Amino acid sequence: MRFANIEQTGAEIKADMKDLKKTVIITAITATLATVFGVAAFNATLLSGMITSFESGKNATRPQGGKTLFRIPFGSAITLTPALDAIATR
């Protein structure tokens, strides 16, 4: 009688452990996915803000002192003089 009771209790504990194991695995997978998607969303937001800032700065460029600046790759600029300044004064 006591042995049967111990076996029944052991079987119940084993069944509960299987459920607990499934719960732990599902929780771990969910937490991992939430972390990955959270980091991806943060990176996308940061990148969007950086691109917006650079576009805003690029659009804020205006001619200064009657000269036109043309941007070329690698951060250098060519300065062109207006046609009136090219005419020699007498």
N, C-alpha and C. Protein backbone atom coordinates (compact mmCIF):
# COMPACT_ATOMS: atom_id res chain seq x y z
N MET A 1 0.81 -1.18 0.00
CA MET A 1 0.00 0.00 0.00
C MET A 1 0.87 1.26 0.00
N ARG A 2 1.86 1.31 0.88
CA ARG A 2 2.72 2.49 0.93
C ARG A 2 3.52 2.61 -0.36
N PHE A 3 3.95 1.48 -0.91
CA PHE A 3 4.75 1.50 -2.13
C PHE A 3 3.93 2.04 -3.30
N ALA A 4 2.67 1.66 -3.39
CA ALA A 4 1.81 2.14 -4.47
C ALA A 4 1.58 3.65 -4.34
N ASN A 5 1.45 4.11 -3.11
CA ASN A 5 1.26 5.54 -2.88
C ASN A 5 2.50 6.33 -3.30
N ILE A 6 3.68 5.80 -3.01
CA ILE A 6 4.94 6.45 -3.39
C ILE A 6 5.07 6.48 -4.91
N GLU A 7 4.72 5.38 -5.58
CA GLU A 7 4.80 5.34 -7.05
C GLU A 7 3.84 6.35 -7.67
N GLN A 8 2.64 6.45 -7.11
CA GLN A 8 1.66 7.40 -7.64
C GLN A 8 2.16 8.84 -7.46
N THR A 9 2.72 9.14 -6.31
CA THR A 9 3.26 10.48 -6.05
C THR A 9 4.42 10.78 -7.00
N GLY A 10 5.27 9.78 -7.21
CA GLY A 10 6.40 9.95 -8.14
C GLY A 10 5.93 10.22 -9.56
N ALA A 11 4.88 9.52 -10.00
CA ALA A 11 4.34 9.73 -11.34
C ALA A 11 3.75 11.13 -11.48
N GLU A 12 3.08 11.62 -10.44
CA GLU A 12 2.53 12.97 -10.47
C GLU A 12 3.63 14.03 -10.54
N ILE A 13 4.69 13.80 -9.77
CA ILE A 13 5.82 14.74 -9.79
C ILE A 13 6.47 14.75 -11.17
N LYS A 14 6.62 13.58 -11.77
CA LYS A 14 7.22 13.48 -13.10
C LYS A 14 6.37 14.22 -14.14
N ALA A 15 5.06 14.08 -14.06
CA ALA A 15 4.16 14.77 -14.99
C ALA A 15 4.25 16.29 -14.79
N ASP A 16 4.31 16.71 -13.54
CA ASP A 16 4.44 18.15 -13.26
C ASP A 16 5.77 18.69 -13.77
N MET A 17 6.82 17.90 -13.67
CA MET A 17 8.14 18.33 -14.16
C MET A 17 8.14 18.50 -15.67
N LYS A 18 7.42 17.64 -16.39
CA LYS A 18 7.34 17.77 -17.85
C LYS A 18 6.66 19.09 -18.22
N ASP A 19 5.57 19.39 -17.52
CA ASP A 19 4.87 20.66 -17.77
C ASP A 19 5.76 21.86 -17.44
N LEU A 20 6.49 21.76 -16.34
CA LEU A 20 7.38 22.84 -15.95
C LEU A 20 8.49 23.02 -16.98
N LYS A 21 9.02 21.91 -17.48
CA LYS A 21 10.09 21.98 -18.49
C LYS A 21 9.58 22.67 -19.76
N LYS A 22 8.37 22.33 -20.20
CA LYS A 22 7.79 22.98 -21.37
C LYS A 22 7.61 24.48 -21.13
N THR A 23 7.13 24.82 -19.95
CA THR A 23 6.91 26.23 -19.61
C THR A 23 8.22 27.01 -19.62
N VAL A 24 9.26 26.43 -19.06
CA VAL A 24 10.57 27.10 -19.02
C VAL A 24 11.12 27.29 -20.42
N ILE A 25 11.00 26.28 -21.27
CA ILE A 25 11.51 26.37 -22.65
C ILE A 25 10.74 27.44 -23.43
N ILE A 26 9.42 27.44 -23.31
CA ILE A 26 8.62 28.43 -24.03
C ILE A 26 8.93 29.84 -23.54
N THR A 27 9.12 30.00 -22.23
CA THR A 27 9.46 31.31 -21.68
C THR A 27 10.82 31.78 -22.18
N ALA A 28 11.79 30.88 -22.24
CA ALA A 28 13.13 31.25 -22.72
C ALA A 28 13.09 31.67 -24.18
N ILE A 29 12.37 30.92 -25.00
CA ILE A 29 12.27 31.26 -26.43
C ILE A 29 11.57 32.62 -26.60
N THR A 30 10.51 32.84 -25.86
CA THR A 30 9.79 34.11 -25.95
C THR A 30 10.66 35.29 -25.52
N ALA A 31 11.40 35.12 -24.44
CA ALA A 31 12.27 36.19 -23.96
C ALA A 31 13.37 36.49 -24.98
N THR A 32 13.92 35.45 -25.59
CA THR A 32 14.97 35.64 -26.61
C THR A 32 14.42 36.39 -27.81
N LEU A 33 13.26 35.98 -28.30
CA LEU A 33 12.66 36.67 -29.45
C LEU A 33 12.33 38.12 -29.12
N ALA A 34 11.82 38.37 -27.93
CA ALA A 34 11.50 39.74 -27.53
C ALA A 34 12.75 40.60 -27.49
N THR A 35 13.85 40.04 -27.00
CA THR A 35 15.11 40.78 -26.95
C THR A 35 15.63 41.08 -28.35
N VAL A 36 15.61 40.08 -29.22
CA VAL A 36 16.10 40.27 -30.60
C VAL A 36 15.27 41.32 -31.32
N PHE A 37 13.95 41.23 -31.23
CA PHE A 37 13.10 42.20 -31.92
C PHE A 37 13.22 43.59 -31.29
N GLY A 38 13.42 43.66 -29.99
CA GLY A 38 13.61 44.95 -29.33
C GLY A 38 14.88 45.64 -29.78
N VAL A 39 15.98 44.89 -29.88
CA VAL A 39 17.24 45.46 -30.35
C VAL A 39 17.11 45.88 -31.81
N ALA A 40 16.45 45.07 -32.63
CA ALA A 40 16.26 45.43 -34.04
C ALA A 40 15.43 46.71 -34.17
N ALA A 41 14.40 46.85 -33.38
CA ALA A 41 13.57 48.06 -33.43
C ALA A 41 14.36 49.28 -32.98
N PHE A 42 15.17 49.12 -31.94
CA PHE A 42 16.01 50.23 -31.47
C PHE A 42 17.00 50.64 -32.55
N ASN A 43 17.64 49.68 -33.20
CA ASN A 43 18.59 49.99 -34.27
C ASN A 43 17.90 50.69 -35.44
N ALA A 44 16.71 50.24 -35.81
CA ALA A 44 15.98 50.87 -36.91
C ALA A 44 15.61 52.31 -36.56
N THR A 45 15.19 52.54 -35.33
CA THR A 45 14.85 53.89 -34.90
C THR A 45 16.07 54.80 -34.90
N LEU A 46 17.18 54.29 -34.40
CA LEU A 46 18.41 55.06 -34.36
C LEU A 46 18.89 55.39 -35.76
N LEU A 47 18.86 54.42 -36.66
CA LEU A 47 19.29 54.64 -38.04
C LEU A 47 18.39 55.65 -38.73
N SER A 48 17.10 55.55 -38.51
CA SER A 48 16.16 56.50 -39.11
C SER A 48 16.44 57.92 -38.64
N GLY A 49 16.69 58.08 -37.36
CA GLY A 49 17.01 59.40 -36.82
C GLY A 49 18.30 59.96 -37.39
N MET A 50 19.31 59.09 -37.53
CA MET A 50 20.59 59.55 -38.08
C MET A 50 20.43 59.97 -39.54
N ILE A 51 19.70 59.19 -40.32
CA ILE A 51 19.49 59.53 -41.73
C ILE A 51 18.72 60.84 -41.85
N THR A 52 17.71 61.02 -41.01
CA THR A 52 16.94 62.26 -41.03
C THR A 52 17.83 63.46 -40.69
N SER A 53 18.71 63.29 -39.72
CA SER A 53 19.62 64.38 -39.34
C SER A 53 20.56 64.73 -40.47
N PHE A 54 21.13 63.73 -41.11
CA PHE A 54 22.05 63.99 -42.21
C PHE A 54 21.34 64.63 -43.39
N GLU A 55 20.13 64.17 -43.70
CA GLU A 55 19.36 64.76 -44.80
C GLU A 55 19.01 66.21 -44.47
N SER A 56 18.67 66.48 -43.22
CA SER A 56 18.34 67.84 -42.80
C SER A 56 19.56 68.74 -42.94
N GLY A 57 20.72 68.26 -42.56
CA GLY A 57 21.95 69.05 -42.70
C GLY A 57 22.31 69.26 -44.15
N LYS A 58 22.09 68.25 -44.96
CA LYS A 58 22.41 68.38 -46.39
C LYS A 58 21.50 69.40 -47.04
N ASN A 59 20.24 69.42 -46.68
CA ASN A 59 19.29 70.37 -47.26
C ASN A 59 19.47 71.78 -46.72
N ALA A 60 20.16 71.94 -45.61
CA ALA A 60 20.37 73.27 -45.02
C ALA A 60 21.52 74.01 -45.70
N THR A 61 22.30 73.35 -46.55
CA THR A 61 23.41 74.00 -47.24
C THR A 61 22.87 75.04 -48.20
N ARG A 62 23.44 76.24 -48.16
CA ARG A 62 22.98 77.31 -49.05
C ARG A 62 24.20 78.04 -49.60
N PRO A 63 24.04 78.72 -50.71
CA PRO A 63 25.16 79.49 -51.25
C PRO A 63 25.57 80.59 -50.28
N GLN A 64 26.87 80.80 -50.14
CA GLN A 64 27.36 81.82 -49.22
C GLN A 64 28.29 82.78 -49.96
N GLY A 65 28.11 84.06 -49.75
CA GLY A 65 29.00 85.06 -50.32
C GLY A 65 28.95 85.12 -51.84
N GLY A 66 27.85 84.81 -52.45
CA GLY A 66 27.75 84.86 -53.90
C GLY A 66 28.41 83.70 -54.60
N LYS A 67 28.92 82.74 -53.88
CA LYS A 67 29.59 81.59 -54.47
C LYS A 67 28.71 80.36 -54.28
N THR A 68 28.78 79.49 -55.25
CA THR A 68 27.99 78.27 -55.19
C THR A 68 28.92 77.11 -54.84
N LEU A 69 28.52 76.33 -53.87
CA LEU A 69 29.31 75.16 -53.48
C LEU A 69 28.65 73.91 -54.05
N PHE A 70 29.43 73.12 -54.74
CA PHE A 70 28.96 71.84 -55.23
C PHE A 70 29.64 70.75 -54.43
N ARG A 71 28.85 69.88 -53.87
CA ARG A 71 29.43 68.79 -53.09
C ARG A 71 29.82 67.64 -54.01
N ILE A 72 31.01 67.12 -53.79
CA ILE A 72 31.47 65.94 -54.51
C ILE A 72 31.83 64.89 -53.47
N PRO A 73 31.97 63.65 -53.89
CA PRO A 73 32.26 62.59 -52.91
C PRO A 73 33.52 62.87 -52.10
N PHE A 74 33.62 62.23 -50.96
CA PHE A 74 34.75 62.26 -50.04
C PHE A 74 34.87 63.58 -49.30
N GLY A 75 33.79 64.35 -49.20
CA GLY A 75 33.75 65.50 -48.32
C GLY A 75 34.41 66.77 -48.82
N SER A 76 34.99 66.80 -50.01
CA SER A 76 35.59 68.04 -50.50
C SER A 76 34.55 68.81 -51.30
N ALA A 77 34.84 70.07 -51.59
CA ALA A 77 33.89 70.90 -52.32
C ALA A 77 34.63 71.71 -53.37
N ILE A 78 33.95 71.99 -54.46
CA ILE A 78 34.50 72.82 -55.53
C ILE A 78 33.78 74.17 -55.43
N THR A 79 34.53 75.26 -55.45
CA THR A 79 33.94 76.58 -55.40
C THR A 79 34.01 77.19 -56.79
N LEU A 80 32.85 77.57 -57.31
CA LEU A 80 32.79 78.20 -58.62
C LEU A 80 32.50 79.68 -58.44
N THR A 81 33.24 80.51 -59.15
CA THR A 81 33.00 81.95 -59.05
C THR A 81 31.89 82.33 -60.00
N PRO A 82 31.05 83.26 -59.63
CA PRO A 82 30.00 83.71 -60.54
C PRO A 82 30.60 84.36 -61.79
N ALA A 83 29.81 84.41 -62.84
CA ALA A 83 30.28 84.93 -64.13
C ALA A 83 30.70 86.39 -64.03
N LEU A 84 30.05 87.19 -63.21
CA LEU A 84 30.41 88.61 -63.11
C LEU A 84 31.78 88.81 -62.48
N ASP A 85 32.17 87.95 -61.56
CA ASP A 85 33.48 88.08 -60.94
C ASP A 85 34.59 87.67 -61.89
N ALA A 86 34.27 86.90 -62.91
CA ALA A 86 35.29 86.44 -63.85
C ALA A 86 35.68 87.53 -64.84
N ILE A 87 34.83 88.55 -65.00
CA ILE A 87 35.14 89.65 -65.93
C ILE A 87 36.14 90.58 -65.25
N ALA A 88 37.21 90.87 -65.97
CA ALA A 88 38.25 91.75 -65.41
C ALA A 88 37.74 93.18 -65.35
N THR A 89 38.00 93.84 -64.25
CA THR A 89 37.59 95.24 -64.11
C THR A 89 38.63 96.14 -64.76
N ARG A 90 38.20 97.29 -65.27
CA ARG A 90 39.13 98.20 -65.95
C ARG A 90 39.58 99.29 -65.05
